[in-house]
């Protein structure tokens, strides 16, 4: 990965960020029944409780991710998506580690996420498990679904 990857807050209205958001939404909608697509669109990412981050390599956008405040002690990871050409290069792991670090700095005690149960989400589930996330029940406004896997990480 090296030092060439820069992860920082970004504006979801930026053109390249919007394009990757569209890719993320397209992927979610192709893999998941409509009632279980929980990916945020641009309006959702503009919510004041959401902070969007980008990963750029030599200024090229290679991934996005977001942290959403649920309450004073809990946050949710949202919109994790790596550009197709940057997959299997450690970009997703770097973004995940950066988002967890943000959650720690914000003094959240727990960070949770929802991801799909379909085969297309296997790499994401493996990444989250390898980072210490454990399966949990639905949180926030989520409802139980065979199409959703809920995971959480307790922060120290």
N, C-alpha and C. Protein backbone atom coordinates (compact mmCIF):
# COMPACT_ATOMS: atom_id res chain seq x y z
N UNK A 1 0.84 -1.18 0.00
CA UNK A 1 0.00 0.00 0.00
C UNK A 1 0.88 1.24 0.00
N UNK A 2 1.80 1.32 0.94
CA UNK A 2 2.73 2.43 0.97
C UNK A 2 2.07 3.73 1.36
N UNK A 3 2.84 4.79 1.29
CA UNK A 3 2.35 6.09 1.71
C UNK A 3 1.58 6.81 0.62
N UNK A 4 1.42 6.19 -0.53
CA UNK A 4 0.74 6.87 -1.63
C UNK A 4 -0.77 6.93 -1.46
N UNK A 5 -1.32 6.19 -0.50
CA UNK A 5 -2.77 6.22 -0.28
C UNK A 5 -3.08 7.29 0.76
N UNK A 6 -3.96 8.22 0.40
CA UNK A 6 -4.35 9.29 1.30
C UNK A 6 -5.84 9.14 1.61
N UNK A 7 -6.16 8.98 2.89
CA UNK A 7 -7.56 8.86 3.32
C UNK A 7 -7.90 10.10 4.12
N UNK A 8 -8.95 10.79 3.69
CA UNK A 8 -9.33 12.05 4.33
C UNK A 8 -10.83 12.29 4.16
N UNK A 9 -11.37 13.21 4.96
CA UNK A 9 -12.76 13.62 4.78
C UNK A 9 -12.93 14.13 3.36
N UNK A 10 -14.11 13.90 2.81
CA UNK A 10 -14.36 14.36 1.44
C UNK A 10 -15.80 14.81 1.33
N UNK A 11 -16.09 15.51 0.25
CA UNK A 11 -17.43 16.02 -0.02
C UNK A 11 -18.14 15.03 -0.93
N UNK A 12 -19.26 14.45 -0.47
CA UNK A 12 -19.97 13.48 -1.32
C UNK A 12 -20.53 14.11 -2.59
N UNK A 13 -20.53 15.45 -2.67
CA UNK A 13 -21.02 16.13 -3.88
C UNK A 13 -19.94 16.24 -4.95
N UNK A 14 -18.68 15.92 -4.60
CA UNK A 14 -17.60 15.96 -5.60
C UNK A 14 -17.91 14.97 -6.72
N UNK A 15 -17.59 15.33 -7.93
CA UNK A 15 -17.95 14.51 -9.09
C UNK A 15 -17.48 13.09 -9.03
N UNK A 16 -16.20 12.87 -8.69
CA UNK A 16 -15.68 11.50 -8.67
C UNK A 16 -16.26 10.71 -7.49
N UNK A 17 -16.53 11.40 -6.40
CA UNK A 17 -17.14 10.72 -5.24
C UNK A 17 -18.56 10.31 -5.60
N UNK A 18 -19.30 11.20 -6.26
CA UNK A 18 -20.66 10.85 -6.69
C UNK A 18 -20.64 9.65 -7.62
N UNK A 19 -19.67 9.58 -8.52
CA UNK A 19 -19.58 8.45 -9.45
C UNK A 19 -19.35 7.15 -8.69
N UNK A 20 -18.49 7.17 -7.67
CA UNK A 20 -18.25 5.94 -6.90
C UNK A 20 -19.46 5.58 -6.03
N UNK A 21 -20.17 6.60 -5.55
CA UNK A 21 -21.43 6.34 -4.82
C UNK A 21 -22.41 5.65 -5.75
N UNK A 22 -22.51 6.12 -6.98
CA UNK A 22 -23.41 5.47 -7.95
C UNK A 22 -23.01 4.02 -8.20
N UNK A 23 -21.70 3.76 -8.29
CA UNK A 23 -21.23 2.37 -8.45
C UNK A 23 -21.63 1.53 -7.26
N UNK A 24 -21.48 2.10 -6.06
CA UNK A 24 -21.84 1.40 -4.83
C UNK A 24 -23.34 1.07 -4.82
N UNK A 25 -24.16 2.04 -5.16
CA UNK A 25 -25.61 1.83 -5.19
C UNK A 25 -25.99 0.81 -6.26
N UNK A 26 -25.35 0.87 -7.42
CA UNK A 26 -25.63 -0.09 -8.48
C UNK A 26 -25.30 -1.51 -8.00
N UNK A 27 -24.12 -1.67 -7.39
CA UNK A 27 -23.72 -2.98 -6.86
C UNK A 27 -24.75 -3.47 -5.83
N UNK A 28 -25.12 -2.60 -4.89
CA UNK A 28 -26.08 -2.99 -3.84
C UNK A 28 -27.41 -3.41 -4.46
N UNK A 29 -27.88 -2.64 -5.43
CA UNK A 29 -29.18 -2.94 -6.05
C UNK A 29 -29.13 -4.17 -6.94
N UNK A 30 -27.98 -4.49 -7.53
CA UNK A 30 -27.86 -5.70 -8.34
C UNK A 30 -27.81 -6.96 -7.47
N UNK A 31 -27.31 -6.84 -6.25
CA UNK A 31 -27.08 -8.01 -5.40
C UNK A 31 -28.16 -8.25 -4.36
N UNK A 32 -28.96 -7.24 -4.06
CA UNK A 32 -29.83 -7.28 -2.89
C UNK A 32 -31.27 -6.97 -3.28
N UNK A 33 -32.23 -7.69 -2.71
CA UNK A 33 -33.64 -7.32 -2.95
C UNK A 33 -33.89 -5.88 -2.49
N UNK A 34 -34.74 -5.15 -3.20
CA UNK A 34 -34.95 -3.72 -2.93
C UNK A 34 -35.24 -3.39 -1.46
N UNK A 35 -36.01 -4.23 -0.80
CA UNK A 35 -36.38 -3.94 0.60
C UNK A 35 -35.20 -4.04 1.55
N UNK A 36 -34.09 -4.63 1.11
CA UNK A 36 -32.93 -4.80 1.97
C UNK A 36 -31.70 -4.03 1.50
N UNK A 37 -31.89 -3.10 0.56
CA UNK A 37 -30.77 -2.23 0.15
C UNK A 37 -30.70 -1.09 1.16
N UNK A 38 -29.62 -1.07 1.94
CA UNK A 38 -29.46 -0.05 2.98
C UNK A 38 -28.36 0.95 2.66
N UNK A 39 -27.83 0.89 1.42
CA UNK A 39 -26.78 1.82 1.01
C UNK A 39 -27.35 3.23 0.95
N UNK A 40 -26.56 4.19 1.41
CA UNK A 40 -26.99 5.59 1.40
C UNK A 40 -26.77 6.22 0.04
N UNK A 41 -27.75 6.99 -0.42
CA UNK A 41 -27.57 7.78 -1.62
C UNK A 41 -26.95 9.11 -1.22
N UNK A 42 -26.80 10.02 -2.18
CA UNK A 42 -26.17 11.30 -1.91
C UNK A 42 -26.87 12.04 -0.77
N UNK A 43 -28.20 12.09 -0.80
CA UNK A 43 -28.93 12.79 0.27
C UNK A 43 -28.64 12.16 1.63
N UNK A 44 -28.59 10.83 1.69
CA UNK A 44 -28.28 10.16 2.95
C UNK A 44 -26.88 10.50 3.44
N UNK A 45 -25.93 10.60 2.50
CA UNK A 45 -24.56 10.92 2.88
C UNK A 45 -24.39 12.38 3.27
N UNK A 46 -25.33 13.23 2.89
CA UNK A 46 -25.28 14.65 3.28
C UNK A 46 -25.90 14.89 4.65
N UNK A 47 -26.47 13.85 5.27
CA UNK A 47 -27.03 13.97 6.61
C UNK A 47 -25.92 14.45 7.55
N UNK A 48 -26.21 15.41 8.43
CA UNK A 48 -25.16 15.93 9.33
C UNK A 48 -24.58 14.89 10.28
N UNK A 49 -25.24 13.75 10.45
CA UNK A 49 -24.69 12.70 11.32
C UNK A 49 -23.67 11.83 10.59
N UNK A 50 -23.48 12.06 9.28
CA UNK A 50 -22.61 11.24 8.45
C UNK A 50 -21.37 12.04 8.03
N UNK A 51 -20.20 11.41 8.17
CA UNK A 51 -18.95 11.99 7.68
C UNK A 51 -18.39 11.05 6.62
N UNK A 52 -18.18 11.57 5.42
CA UNK A 52 -17.71 10.78 4.29
C UNK A 52 -16.19 10.93 4.15
N UNK A 53 -15.55 9.82 3.84
CA UNK A 53 -14.11 9.79 3.63
C UNK A 53 -13.81 9.19 2.26
N UNK A 54 -12.70 9.62 1.69
CA UNK A 54 -12.25 9.04 0.44
C UNK A 54 -10.83 8.53 0.62
N UNK A 55 -10.49 7.54 -0.18
CA UNK A 55 -9.11 7.06 -0.27
C UNK A 55 -8.66 7.40 -1.68
N UNK A 56 -7.54 8.10 -1.77
CA UNK A 56 -7.01 8.51 -3.08
C UNK A 56 -5.56 8.06 -3.19
N UNK A 57 -5.24 7.57 -4.36
CA UNK A 57 -3.87 7.19 -4.69
C UNK A 57 -3.45 8.08 -5.85
N UNK A 58 -2.44 8.89 -5.63
CA UNK A 58 -2.01 9.86 -6.65
C UNK A 58 -3.21 10.66 -7.15
N UNK A 59 -4.02 11.12 -6.19
CA UNK A 59 -5.22 11.95 -6.41
C UNK A 59 -6.38 11.23 -7.06
N UNK A 60 -6.20 9.98 -7.46
CA UNK A 60 -7.30 9.21 -8.06
C UNK A 60 -8.12 8.56 -6.96
N UNK A 61 -9.43 8.73 -7.02
CA UNK A 61 -10.33 8.15 -6.02
C UNK A 61 -10.35 6.63 -6.18
N UNK A 62 -10.03 5.90 -5.10
CA UNK A 62 -10.02 4.44 -5.17
C UNK A 62 -11.00 3.80 -4.19
N UNK A 63 -11.50 4.58 -3.20
CA UNK A 63 -12.47 4.02 -2.25
C UNK A 63 -13.18 5.13 -1.51
N UNK A 64 -14.35 4.77 -1.00
CA UNK A 64 -15.10 5.67 -0.12
C UNK A 64 -15.55 4.88 1.09
N UNK A 65 -15.90 5.61 2.13
CA UNK A 65 -16.46 5.02 3.35
C UNK A 65 -17.02 6.16 4.18
N UNK A 66 -17.86 5.83 5.14
CA UNK A 66 -18.46 6.87 5.97
C UNK A 66 -18.68 6.34 7.38
N UNK A 67 -18.73 7.29 8.30
CA UNK A 67 -19.06 7.00 9.70
C UNK A 67 -20.31 7.79 10.01
N UNK A 68 -21.33 7.10 10.53
CA UNK A 68 -22.57 7.76 10.92
C UNK A 68 -22.76 7.64 12.42
N UNK A 69 -22.98 8.76 13.07
CA UNK A 69 -23.23 8.78 14.50
C UNK A 69 -24.63 8.23 14.76
N UNK A 70 -24.71 7.21 15.62
CA UNK A 70 -26.01 6.66 16.03
C UNK A 70 -26.46 7.33 17.32
N UNK A 71 -25.53 7.46 18.27
CA UNK A 71 -25.77 8.16 19.52
C UNK A 71 -24.41 8.52 20.10
N UNK A 72 -24.35 8.94 21.34
CA UNK A 72 -23.10 9.41 21.92
C UNK A 72 -22.03 8.33 22.02
N UNK A 73 -22.44 7.06 22.06
CA UNK A 73 -21.46 5.99 22.26
C UNK A 73 -21.34 5.03 21.08
N UNK A 74 -22.23 5.17 20.08
CA UNK A 74 -22.24 4.20 18.99
C UNK A 74 -22.24 4.88 17.62
N UNK A 75 -21.50 4.25 16.69
CA UNK A 75 -21.47 4.73 15.31
C UNK A 75 -21.69 3.54 14.39
N UNK A 76 -22.03 3.86 13.15
CA UNK A 76 -22.20 2.84 12.12
C UNK A 76 -21.28 3.15 10.95
N UNK A 77 -20.66 2.12 10.40
CA UNK A 77 -19.89 2.28 9.17
C UNK A 77 -20.85 2.15 8.00
N UNK A 78 -20.75 3.07 7.05
CA UNK A 78 -21.64 3.09 5.89
C UNK A 78 -20.81 3.26 4.62
N UNK A 79 -21.42 2.86 3.51
CA UNK A 79 -20.91 3.20 2.17
C UNK A 79 -19.47 2.80 1.91
N UNK A 80 -19.03 1.69 2.51
CA UNK A 80 -17.69 1.18 2.21
C UNK A 80 -17.72 0.62 0.78
N UNK A 81 -16.89 1.19 -0.09
CA UNK A 81 -16.85 0.70 -1.47
C UNK A 81 -15.48 1.01 -2.06
N UNK A 82 -14.87 -0.01 -2.64
CA UNK A 82 -13.58 0.14 -3.31
C UNK A 82 -13.81 0.05 -4.81
N UNK A 83 -13.21 0.97 -5.54
CA UNK A 83 -13.31 0.95 -7.00
C UNK A 83 -12.81 -0.39 -7.52
N UNK A 84 -13.45 -0.88 -8.55
CA UNK A 84 -13.13 -2.22 -9.07
C UNK A 84 -11.64 -2.39 -9.37
N UNK A 85 -11.01 -1.41 -9.96
CA UNK A 85 -9.61 -1.50 -10.34
C UNK A 85 -8.64 -1.45 -9.16
N UNK A 86 -9.15 -1.15 -7.96
CA UNK A 86 -8.28 -1.04 -6.78
C UNK A 86 -8.51 -2.18 -5.78
N UNK A 87 -9.33 -3.15 -6.15
CA UNK A 87 -9.63 -4.25 -5.22
C UNK A 87 -8.45 -5.19 -5.09
N UNK A 88 -8.42 -5.88 -3.94
CA UNK A 88 -7.38 -6.86 -3.62
C UNK A 88 -5.99 -6.22 -3.56
N UNK A 89 -5.95 -4.95 -3.15
CA UNK A 89 -4.68 -4.23 -3.00
C UNK A 89 -4.55 -3.65 -1.60
N UNK A 90 -5.46 -4.01 -0.69
CA UNK A 90 -5.38 -3.50 0.68
C UNK A 90 -6.08 -2.17 0.89
N UNK A 91 -6.73 -1.66 -0.14
CA UNK A 91 -7.39 -0.36 -0.04
C UNK A 91 -8.59 -0.44 0.92
N UNK A 92 -9.39 -1.47 0.78
CA UNK A 92 -10.55 -1.64 1.66
C UNK A 92 -10.13 -1.77 3.12
N UNK A 93 -9.08 -2.53 3.38
CA UNK A 93 -8.58 -2.69 4.75
C UNK A 93 -8.08 -1.34 5.29
N UNK A 94 -7.36 -0.59 4.46
CA UNK A 94 -6.87 0.72 4.89
C UNK A 94 -8.03 1.66 5.21
N UNK A 95 -9.07 1.64 4.39
CA UNK A 95 -10.24 2.48 4.65
C UNK A 95 -10.92 2.04 5.94
N UNK A 96 -11.11 0.74 6.12
CA UNK A 96 -11.74 0.23 7.33
C UNK A 96 -10.95 0.65 8.56
N UNK A 97 -9.64 0.49 8.53
CA UNK A 97 -8.81 0.88 9.68
C UNK A 97 -8.91 2.37 9.95
N UNK A 98 -8.97 3.18 8.88
CA UNK A 98 -9.10 4.62 9.05
C UNK A 98 -10.44 4.99 9.69
N UNK A 99 -11.52 4.33 9.25
CA UNK A 99 -12.84 4.62 9.82
C UNK A 99 -12.92 4.20 11.29
N UNK A 100 -12.31 3.08 11.62
CA UNK A 100 -12.27 2.64 13.02
C UNK A 100 -11.48 3.66 13.85
N UNK A 101 -10.38 4.15 13.30
CA UNK A 101 -9.59 5.16 14.01
C UNK A 101 -10.40 6.43 14.23
N UNK A 102 -11.18 6.84 13.24
CA UNK A 102 -12.06 8.00 13.39
C UNK A 102 -13.05 7.75 14.53
N UNK A 103 -13.66 6.59 14.54
CA UNK A 103 -14.63 6.25 15.59
C UNK A 103 -13.98 6.30 16.97
N UNK A 104 -12.75 5.81 17.07
CA UNK A 104 -12.03 5.88 18.35
C UNK A 104 -11.77 7.32 18.77
N UNK A 105 -11.33 8.14 17.81
CA UNK A 105 -11.06 9.56 18.12
C UNK A 105 -12.33 10.27 18.56
N UNK A 106 -13.46 9.85 18.01
CA UNK A 106 -14.75 10.45 18.39
C UNK A 106 -15.27 9.88 19.71
N UNK A 107 -14.50 8.96 20.28
CA UNK A 107 -14.80 8.33 21.58
C UNK A 107 -16.06 7.45 21.57
N UNK A 108 -16.37 6.90 20.39
CA UNK A 108 -17.45 5.91 20.35
C UNK A 108 -16.95 4.65 21.03
N UNK A 109 -17.85 3.95 21.69
CA UNK A 109 -17.48 2.70 22.36
C UNK A 109 -17.76 1.49 21.48
N UNK A 110 -18.59 1.70 20.46
CA UNK A 110 -18.97 0.58 19.61
C UNK A 110 -19.21 1.10 18.19
N UNK A 111 -18.75 0.33 17.23
CA UNK A 111 -19.02 0.64 15.83
C UNK A 111 -19.62 -0.61 15.19
N UNK A 112 -20.73 -0.42 14.49
CA UNK A 112 -21.46 -1.55 13.91
C UNK A 112 -21.64 -1.31 12.41
N UNK A 113 -22.09 -2.35 11.73
CA UNK A 113 -22.34 -2.23 10.30
C UNK A 113 -23.34 -3.28 9.87
N UNK A 114 -23.90 -3.06 8.69
CA UNK A 114 -24.78 -4.03 8.04
C UNK A 114 -24.18 -4.31 6.68
N UNK A 115 -24.13 -5.59 6.32
CA UNK A 115 -23.67 -5.98 4.99
C UNK A 115 -24.54 -7.12 4.49
N UNK A 116 -24.42 -7.43 3.24
CA UNK A 116 -25.26 -8.47 2.65
C UNK A 116 -24.78 -9.87 2.97
N UNK A 117 -25.70 -10.82 2.84
CA UNK A 117 -25.38 -12.23 3.08
C UNK A 117 -25.10 -12.97 1.77
N UNK A 118 -25.30 -12.31 0.62
CA UNK A 118 -25.09 -12.95 -0.67
C UNK A 118 -23.60 -13.17 -0.93
N UNK A 119 -23.30 -14.08 -1.87
CA UNK A 119 -21.91 -14.41 -2.18
C UNK A 119 -21.09 -13.18 -2.57
N UNK A 120 -21.70 -12.22 -3.23
CA UNK A 120 -20.97 -11.03 -3.67
C UNK A 120 -20.40 -10.23 -2.50
N UNK A 121 -20.96 -10.44 -1.30
CA UNK A 121 -20.50 -9.71 -0.12
C UNK A 121 -19.50 -10.51 0.71
N UNK A 122 -19.12 -11.70 0.25
CA UNK A 122 -18.15 -12.52 0.98
C UNK A 122 -16.85 -11.78 1.27
N UNK A 123 -16.25 -11.08 0.29
CA UNK A 123 -15.01 -10.35 0.62
C UNK A 123 -15.21 -9.31 1.72
N UNK A 124 -16.33 -8.62 1.70
CA UNK A 124 -16.59 -7.61 2.73
C UNK A 124 -16.73 -8.28 4.11
N UNK A 125 -17.52 -9.35 4.16
CA UNK A 125 -17.69 -10.04 5.46
C UNK A 125 -16.36 -10.55 5.97
N UNK A 126 -15.53 -11.11 5.10
CA UNK A 126 -14.21 -11.61 5.51
C UNK A 126 -13.35 -10.48 6.05
N UNK A 127 -13.37 -9.33 5.38
CA UNK A 127 -12.60 -8.17 5.84
C UNK A 127 -13.05 -7.75 7.23
N UNK A 128 -14.35 -7.63 7.43
CA UNK A 128 -14.86 -7.18 8.73
C UNK A 128 -14.53 -8.18 9.83
N UNK A 129 -14.70 -9.46 9.55
CA UNK A 129 -14.36 -10.48 10.55
C UNK A 129 -12.88 -10.44 10.90
N UNK A 130 -12.02 -10.25 9.89
CA UNK A 130 -10.58 -10.22 10.13
C UNK A 130 -10.17 -8.99 10.94
N UNK A 131 -11.00 -7.95 10.93
CA UNK A 131 -10.72 -6.73 11.69
C UNK A 131 -11.29 -6.79 13.11
N UNK A 132 -11.91 -7.92 13.47
CA UNK A 132 -12.41 -8.08 14.82
C UNK A 132 -13.90 -7.88 15.00
N UNK A 133 -14.61 -7.57 13.91
CA UNK A 133 -16.07 -7.44 14.01
C UNK A 133 -16.66 -8.81 14.28
N UNK A 134 -17.72 -8.84 15.05
CA UNK A 134 -18.42 -10.09 15.35
C UNK A 134 -19.89 -9.93 14.98
N UNK A 135 -20.52 -11.03 14.57
CA UNK A 135 -21.95 -10.95 14.24
C UNK A 135 -22.75 -10.48 15.45
N UNK A 136 -23.81 -9.73 15.18
CA UNK A 136 -24.70 -9.24 16.23
C UNK A 136 -26.10 -9.18 15.65
N UNK A 137 -27.03 -8.78 16.47
CA UNK A 137 -28.41 -8.61 16.01
C UNK A 137 -28.58 -7.26 15.34
N UNK A 138 -29.77 -7.02 14.78
CA UNK A 138 -30.05 -5.73 14.17
C UNK A 138 -29.89 -4.60 15.19
N UNK A 139 -29.49 -3.44 14.72
CA UNK A 139 -29.31 -2.27 15.58
C UNK A 139 -29.96 -1.08 14.88
N UNK A 140 -30.09 0.02 15.60
CA UNK A 140 -30.70 1.22 15.00
C UNK A 140 -32.09 0.90 14.47
N UNK A 141 -32.35 1.30 13.24
CA UNK A 141 -33.67 1.08 12.62
C UNK A 141 -33.75 -0.20 11.80
N UNK A 142 -32.68 -1.00 11.82
CA UNK A 142 -32.68 -2.24 11.02
C UNK A 142 -33.65 -3.26 11.61
N UNK A 143 -34.13 -4.14 10.74
CA UNK A 143 -34.99 -5.26 11.13
C UNK A 143 -34.29 -6.54 10.71
N UNK A 144 -34.57 -7.65 11.39
CA UNK A 144 -33.97 -8.92 10.98
C UNK A 144 -34.32 -9.23 9.52
N UNK A 145 -33.35 -9.76 8.79
CA UNK A 145 -33.56 -10.15 7.39
C UNK A 145 -32.55 -11.22 7.03
N UNK A 146 -32.97 -12.21 6.24
CA UNK A 146 -32.01 -13.22 5.77
C UNK A 146 -30.99 -12.63 4.79
N UNK A 147 -31.24 -11.42 4.29
CA UNK A 147 -30.34 -10.78 3.34
C UNK A 147 -29.31 -9.88 4.00
N UNK A 148 -29.42 -9.69 5.33
CA UNK A 148 -28.52 -8.80 6.05
C UNK A 148 -27.75 -9.54 7.12
N UNK A 149 -26.46 -9.18 7.22
CA UNK A 149 -25.63 -9.63 8.33
C UNK A 149 -25.22 -8.38 9.09
N UNK A 150 -25.44 -8.39 10.38
CA UNK A 150 -25.09 -7.28 11.25
C UNK A 150 -23.85 -7.65 12.02
N UNK A 151 -22.93 -6.69 12.14
CA UNK A 151 -21.66 -6.96 12.81
C UNK A 151 -21.32 -5.76 13.69
N UNK A 152 -20.57 -6.03 14.76
CA UNK A 152 -20.17 -4.95 15.65
C UNK A 152 -18.75 -5.15 16.17
N UNK A 153 -18.14 -4.05 16.55
CA UNK A 153 -16.80 -4.05 17.11
C UNK A 153 -16.83 -3.15 18.33
N UNK A 154 -16.41 -3.70 19.48
CA UNK A 154 -16.31 -2.90 20.69
C UNK A 154 -14.95 -2.22 20.70
N UNK A 155 -14.97 -0.90 20.88
CA UNK A 155 -13.72 -0.12 20.88
C UNK A 155 -13.27 0.09 22.31
N UNK A 156 -11.95 0.14 22.51
CA UNK A 156 -11.41 0.33 23.86
C UNK A 156 -11.23 1.80 24.16
